[in-house]
Protein backbone atom coordinates (compact mmCIF):
# COMPACT_ATOMS: atom_id res chain seq x y z
CA MET A 1 22.44 115.46 121.27
CA ARG A 2 21.45 111.81 120.68
CA ILE A 3 18.82 110.95 118.15
CA ARG A 4 16.68 107.96 118.65
CA TYR A 5 14.12 106.46 116.12
CA THR A 6 10.86 105.00 116.64
CA ARG A 7 10.00 101.64 114.66
CA HIS A 8 7.65 103.56 112.74
CA ALA A 9 10.25 106.28 111.89
CA LEU A 10 12.73 103.60 110.69
CA LYS A 11 10.16 101.83 109.04
CA ARG A 12 9.08 104.94 106.97
CA MET A 13 12.62 106.04 106.40
CA GLN A 14 13.42 102.83 104.70
CA GLU A 15 10.24 102.96 102.49
CA ARG A 16 11.03 106.56 101.39
CA GLY A 17 14.71 106.01 100.81
CA ILE A 18 15.51 108.70 103.80
CA ALA A 19 19.05 108.13 105.24
CA LYS A 20 19.70 108.87 108.86
CA ARG A 21 22.71 111.29 107.62
CA LEU A 22 19.91 113.49 106.46
CA VAL A 23 17.83 113.72 109.44
CA ARG A 24 20.30 115.17 112.05
CA PRO A 25 21.23 118.05 109.81
CA ALA A 26 17.48 118.77 109.35
CA ILE A 27 17.14 118.84 113.19
CA GLU A 28 20.28 120.76 114.26
CA ASP A 29 20.06 123.33 111.22
CA ALA A 30 16.56 123.53 110.12
CA ASP A 31 15.34 126.21 107.75
CA ARG A 32 11.93 126.28 109.52
CA ARG A 33 10.72 124.85 112.92
CA TYR A 34 6.92 124.90 114.46
CA ARG A 35 4.75 122.68 116.34
CA ASP A 36 1.84 120.37 114.78
CA LYS A 37 -0.21 118.33 117.08
CA GLY A 38 1.91 118.54 119.82
CA LEU A 39 5.04 117.32 118.06
CA ASN A 40 8.18 119.39 116.96
CA VAL A 41 8.49 119.83 113.32
CA ALA A 42 11.86 120.65 111.48
CA GLU A 43 12.28 121.32 107.82
CA ARG A 44 15.28 121.53 105.61
CA LYS A 45 15.61 122.07 102.01
CA LEU A 46 17.66 119.45 100.42
CA GLU A 47 19.95 119.61 97.23
CA SER A 48 17.07 118.16 95.19
CA GLY A 49 14.95 121.08 96.05
CA ASN A 50 12.77 118.91 98.13
CA ILE A 51 12.09 119.70 101.89
CA LEU A 52 12.64 117.33 104.34
CA ARG A 53 10.21 117.41 107.06
CA VAL A 54 11.20 115.73 110.55
CA TYR A 55 8.50 115.28 113.24
CA PHE A 56 9.86 114.53 116.63
CA LYS A 57 9.62 114.78 120.28
CA LEU A 58 12.11 115.62 123.16
CA ASP A 59 13.05 113.03 125.89
CA GLY A 60 15.42 114.80 128.13
CA GLU A 61 18.34 115.63 126.04
CA ASP A 62 17.30 112.97 123.52
CA VAL A 63 15.31 113.50 120.18
CA VAL A 64 13.09 111.05 119.32
CA VAL A 65 11.99 110.81 115.66
CA ILE A 66 8.36 109.75 114.98
CA THR A 67 8.39 110.07 111.31
CA THR A 68 10.11 111.85 108.42
CA TYR A 69 9.21 112.41 104.63
CA ARG A 70 10.17 114.59 101.76
CA THR A 71 7.80 117.19 100.39
CA ARG A 72 7.72 119.91 97.93
CA THR A 73 5.91 122.64 100.08
CA TRP A 74 6.83 124.11 103.31
CA GLY A 75 4.64 123.18 106.36
């Protein structure tokens, strides 16, 4: 699976201090998955206790990350 990032996602990840190495496990081994506003959402609990939420869409076999952020509550 190839993961691509929109410019928006890369900008937000930089602003929020979220490394790409955290995104792949959140998508591949999510604790929770659902759809929201037409996008796929994957959530994974981090070691810090926060939850990483990743909004993405599928483009063929690729995953395109739209945005991601940390939160304290499940979606």
